[in-house]
Amino acid sequence: MNKCFKYQPRILLSQLSLPRCYAAVQTEPPPPGQKRTVVVGLAHKPDPKSVKCDYIGPPDAESNLRPYVRHYDDDETRLARSLRLKRIEVEAWNTDFWTRHNKRFYEEKEDFIRLHKESGTAEVSADQMSHFYKAFLDKNWRIHMMYNLSWYLKNFDILSMAAGVQLQRLLVLVKRRRT
């Protein structure tokens, strides 16, 4: 089991006023009088084979999602490996979706602003922008609905695989205690 994320899966470094880097939360016993969480940061993307826990990177410029670097043990089971690979696959799918979505959004927003400026309006008001946002959401309603459905199904697969991995680990623990 990945012991690095035992209690708190992530900390947003932007909330801590630290430089942008890959971060992990370690849950070592704290010295008396100190907080439990110790943030470990790396300036560059770490090698998954050399780290002892999962790392979360700074937000991607295009998708606005934080990439993960998933640690894995040499002795991971086939099911645990499948779970890790499924998570990586879903993260890549999610990043791809939001990269394309955000690109489309910003292009349409720039076109909207450009058209308003060409019509003689110096600045686009917040009210006019709200009409653009509403129109964009209405136009992409079906895409968002299909994304949400796919996202829920992929997460259900991940949860069921994670439950299987935890059950495997529990059975191994019970087996060790019997011997």
Protein backbone atom coordinates (compact mmCIF):
# COMPACT_ATOMS: atom_id res chain seq x y z
CA MET A 1 0.00 0.00 0.00
CA ASN A 2 1.19 3.48 -0.79
CA LYS A 3 1.96 4.88 2.65
CA CYS A 4 2.66 8.45 1.49
CA PHE A 5 -1.00 9.32 1.01
CA LYS A 6 -2.38 7.53 4.04
CA TYR A 7 -4.44 10.42 5.43
CA GLN A 8 -4.42 13.40 3.09
CA PRO A 9 -4.16 12.70 -0.65
CA ARG A 10 -3.01 16.12 -1.79
CA ILE A 11 -2.06 19.64 -0.84
CA LEU A 12 -2.37 22.50 -3.30
CA LEU A 13 1.00 24.18 -3.30
CA SER A 14 -0.58 27.44 -4.44
CA GLN A 15 -2.32 27.60 -1.06
CA LEU A 16 1.02 27.28 0.72
CA SER A 17 2.75 30.10 -1.21
CA LEU A 18 5.53 27.76 -2.36
CA PRO A 19 7.13 27.64 -5.80
CA ARG A 20 5.37 25.41 -8.35
CA CYS A 21 6.78 21.92 -8.13
CA TYR A 22 5.82 18.28 -7.94
CA ALA A 23 4.62 17.57 -4.42
CA ALA A 24 3.71 14.65 -2.20
CA VAL A 25 2.39 14.52 1.32
CA GLN A 26 4.26 12.34 3.75
CA THR A 27 2.58 11.20 6.92
CA GLU A 28 5.52 10.48 9.16
CA PRO A 29 4.88 10.83 12.88
CA PRO A 30 5.38 14.53 13.66
CA PRO A 31 7.59 15.78 16.44
CA PRO A 32 5.62 16.99 19.47
CA GLY A 33 3.97 20.35 18.86
CA GLN A 34 4.22 20.26 15.05
CA LYS A 35 1.68 19.61 12.31
CA ARG A 36 1.31 16.12 10.86
CA THR A 37 1.88 17.09 7.21
CA VAL A 38 5.31 17.55 5.66
CA VAL A 39 5.35 18.71 2.02
CA VAL A 40 8.08 17.32 -0.17
CA GLY A 41 8.67 19.19 -3.43
CA LEU A 42 10.63 18.40 -6.58
CA ALA A 43 11.38 20.99 -9.26
CA HIS A 44 11.21 18.46 -12.13
CA LYS A 45 9.01 15.49 -12.96
CA PRO A 46 10.30 12.56 -10.91
CA ASP A 47 10.98 9.06 -12.22
CA PRO A 48 8.19 6.71 -11.03
CA LYS A 49 10.74 3.98 -10.27
CA SER A 50 12.84 6.18 -8.00
CA VAL A 51 10.12 7.76 -5.81
CA LYS A 52 8.47 6.13 -2.83
CA CYS A 53 5.01 7.69 -3.25
CA ASP A 54 2.77 9.42 -5.79
CA TYR A 55 3.62 12.99 -6.75
CA ILE A 56 1.22 15.67 -7.95
CA GLY A 57 2.53 18.26 -10.38
CA PRO A 58 1.73 21.90 -10.99
CA PRO A 59 -1.35 22.62 -13.15
CA ASP A 60 -0.92 21.99 -16.86
CA ALA A 61 -1.04 25.20 -18.91
CA GLU A 62 -3.61 23.89 -21.40
CA SER A 63 -5.85 21.52 -19.44
CA ASN A 64 -5.54 23.21 -16.00
CA LEU A 65 -5.29 19.72 -14.44
CA ARG A 66 -2.53 18.64 -12.11
CA PRO A 67 -0.60 15.65 -13.51
CA TYR A 68 0.27 12.69 -11.32
CA VAL A 69 3.44 10.66 -11.23
CA ARG A 70 2.37 7.28 -9.89
CA HIS A 71 4.82 5.30 -7.79
CA TYR A 72 4.79 1.57 -8.13
CA ASP A 73 6.45 -1.28 -6.31
CA ASP A 74 8.39 -4.06 -8.01
CA ASP A 75 6.19 -6.56 -6.19
CA GLU A 76 2.82 -5.09 -7.22
CA THR A 77 0.19 -7.66 -8.09
CA ARG A 78 -1.35 -8.00 -11.52
CA LEU A 79 -4.55 -6.34 -10.27
CA ALA A 80 -2.61 -3.46 -8.67
CA ARG A 81 -0.71 -2.97 -11.93
CA SER A 82 -3.99 -2.94 -13.85
CA LEU A 83 -5.37 -0.34 -11.43
CA ARG A 84 -2.31 1.88 -11.81
CA LEU A 85 -2.42 1.64 -15.61
CA LYS A 86 -6.18 2.32 -15.63
CA ARG A 87 -5.64 5.45 -13.52
CA ILE A 88 -2.94 6.64 -15.92
CA GLU A 89 -5.21 5.93 -18.89
CA VAL A 90 -8.13 7.82 -17.36
CA GLU A 91 -5.91 10.77 -16.41
CA ALA A 92 -4.62 10.95 -20.01
CA TRP A 93 -8.20 10.80 -21.35
CA ASN A 94 -9.29 13.52 -18.90
CA THR A 95 -6.32 15.75 -19.77
CA ASP A 96 -6.99 15.31 -23.48
CA PHE A 97 -10.67 16.23 -23.07
CA TRP A 98 -10.00 19.37 -21.03
CA THR A 99 -7.15 20.46 -23.30
CA ARG A 100 -9.42 20.32 -26.35
CA HIS A 101 -12.34 21.87 -24.44
CA ASN A 102 -10.30 24.77 -23.08
CA LYS A 103 -8.75 25.45 -26.49
CA ARG A 104 -12.21 25.57 -28.07
CA PHE A 105 -13.50 27.80 -25.25
CA TYR A 106 -10.69 30.34 -25.51
CA GLU A 107 -10.90 30.46 -29.31
CA GLU A 108 -14.64 31.11 -29.19
CA LYS A 109 -14.20 33.67 -26.43
CA GLU A 110 -11.58 35.57 -28.46
CA ASP A 111 -13.89 35.49 -31.51
CA PHE A 112 -16.76 36.81 -29.40
CA ILE A 113 -14.65 39.67 -28.03
CA ARG A 114 -13.22 40.46 -31.48
CA LEU A 115 -16.70 40.60 -33.06
CA HIS A 116 -17.94 42.98 -30.34
CA LYS A 117 -14.94 45.25 -30.81
CA GLU A 118 -15.43 45.25 -34.60
CA SER A 119 -19.05 46.31 -34.10
CA GLY A 120 -17.88 49.46 -32.34
CA THR A 121 -18.00 48.42 -28.67
CA ALA A 122 -14.74 49.38 -26.95
CA GLU A 123 -15.07 46.91 -24.09
CA VAL A 124 -17.20 43.84 -23.60
CA SER A 125 -19.26 44.12 -20.43
CA ALA A 126 -19.65 41.37 -17.87
CA ASP A 127 -23.31 41.06 -18.87
CA GLN A 128 -22.35 40.47 -22.51
CA MET A 129 -19.75 37.91 -21.45
CA SER A 130 -22.38 36.10 -19.38
CA HIS A 131 -24.44 35.71 -22.56
CA PHE A 132 -21.38 34.18 -24.25
CA TYR A 133 -20.79 31.78 -21.34
CA LYS A 134 -24.43 30.70 -21.37
CA ALA A 135 -24.39 30.20 -25.15
CA PHE A 136 -21.14 28.21 -24.94
CA LEU A 137 -22.53 25.94 -22.21
CA ASP A 138 -25.79 25.45 -24.09
CA LYS A 139 -23.97 24.64 -27.30
CA ASN A 140 -21.71 22.12 -25.53
CA TRP A 141 -24.37 20.63 -23.26
CA ARG A 142 -24.35 17.24 -24.99
CA ILE A 143 -20.55 17.03 -24.94
CA HIS A 144 -20.51 17.82 -21.21
CA MET A 145 -23.24 15.27 -20.53
CA MET A 146 -21.35 12.54 -22.42
CA TYR A 147 -18.12 13.53 -20.64
CA ASN A 148 -19.81 13.26 -17.23
CA LEU A 149 -21.30 9.87 -18.07
CA SER A 150 -17.94 8.57 -19.29
CA TRP A 151 -16.18 10.06 -16.28
CA TYR A 152 -18.57 8.33 -13.86
CA LEU A 153 -18.18 4.97 -15.62
CA LYS A 154 -14.38 5.23 -15.68
CA ASN A 155 -14.32 6.17 -11.99
CA PHE A 156 -16.62 3.26 -11.15
CA ASP A 157 -14.15 0.92 -12.90
CA ILE A 158 -11.29 2.45 -10.92
CA LEU A 159 -13.21 2.16 -7.63
CA SER A 160 -14.10 -1.48 -8.26
CA MET A 161 -10.49 -2.30 -9.14
CA ALA A 162 -9.26 -0.42 -6.05
CA ALA A 163 -11.68 -2.41 -3.90
CA GLY A 164 -10.27 -5.59 -5.42
CA VAL A 165 -6.72 -4.48 -4.66
CA GLN A 166 -7.64 -3.67 -1.06
CA LEU A 167 -9.36 -7.04 -0.70
CA GLN A 168 -6.24 -8.75 -2.06
CA ARG A 169 -4.08 -6.91 0.46
CA LEU A 170 -6.45 -7.79 3.28
CA LEU A 171 -6.35 -11.47 2.33
CA VAL A 172 -2.55 -11.42 2.22
CA LEU A 173 -2.49 -9.78 5.67
CA VAL A 174 -4.89 -12.36 7.10
CA LYS A 175 -2.85 -15.17 5.56
CA ARG A 176 0.37 -13.80 7.14
CA ARG A 177 -1.24 -13.57 10.58
CA ARG A 178 -2.39 -17.20 10.41
CA THR A 179 1.12 -18.47 9.77
